[in-house]
Amino acid sequence: MLLRRTLVYAFMICTALLTVAPFLLVISTSLKTMNDINMDGPLALPQVFHWENYSRIWEVGNFLIYYKNSVIVTVVVVVLVVLLSMLGAYPFAFMKFRGKSIFFLIVLWGLTVPLDLIIIPLFNNLKSMGLLNTIWALILPQIAMNIPFSIFLLRGFMKDIPYALLESARIDGSTEAKNLYHIIMPMLYPPMVSLIVFTAIGTWNNFMLPTILIQNDALRTLPVGLNYFQTKFTMDYPMIATAAVVSALPAALAYIIFQRKIISGVMVGALKE
């Protein structure tokens, strides 16, 4: 029994080290200079920590512009996805109307449509509407792609809220909008945190849409900007690593801080049907 437990813990430790090692290597590289890498090798720990790389990264290329664009797109997408999914999930959970099941199946069908399948029609539609190569070309499609999962997640949680609460509120003269704001929303904290974090990370890391829909360098987001950054500073590996760390930091911190709420929100919202 002791041997078995020891082997299990040894396997878990090895797996954790293999998972963390690439991140530690990138962080270590970001604190070096090219001379350190050439003299000591890429795997050696830095003898002197060059923290100035993290201040210099904002001064080279268009990194500050890419970062600002990513923040704007992510914030707008998250806010609109949360608002629209709340308004969409509430009728599916508590209201009765003709064709409700059919409409909900259409929403679920959106979960099965891959971006690769619709990218060409999406490109042509945005071009015909004059939205191509604008910030809205990144915002509107990502809102549409996140809505199906968001409605499914929130509806699953809303279905577990006692319907008697809404009926009592209606008898007292409350409207559907007040029911949603004063009764439903305060009870949606765990799934809302999950929804916000998932949407924010997915939007922040999206690479395909900015690559295809944006040609103006001033409108590129971080994932695409890093690609051009690497091309411009091909041999400056410390700067590339620094850019990667700064880019990944917001998403990593969001997941670390809210990981328990994410797990509980997904479990509660998705399984309570």
Foldseek 3Di string as FASTA:
>chain_A
DVVVVVVVVVVVVVVVCVVCVVVVLLVQLLQAFLVCCVPVNSPDGDPGGNPVLLVCLVVDDPLVLQAVLLVVLLVLLLVVLLVVLLVVLLCLQQNDDPCSVVVLVVLLVLQVDDCVVCVVVLLVVCVVVVNFQHSVLLRVVLSSSLNSVSSQLLNLLSNPPDNVVVVVCVVVPDDPVCCSVPPVVVVQVLLSLLSSLVSSVCSLQDDVRLVPRHDDPSNHHLNVSLVVVCVVPVSGSSSSSSSVCVSCVVSVVSCVVCVVSNVVSNCNRNPRD
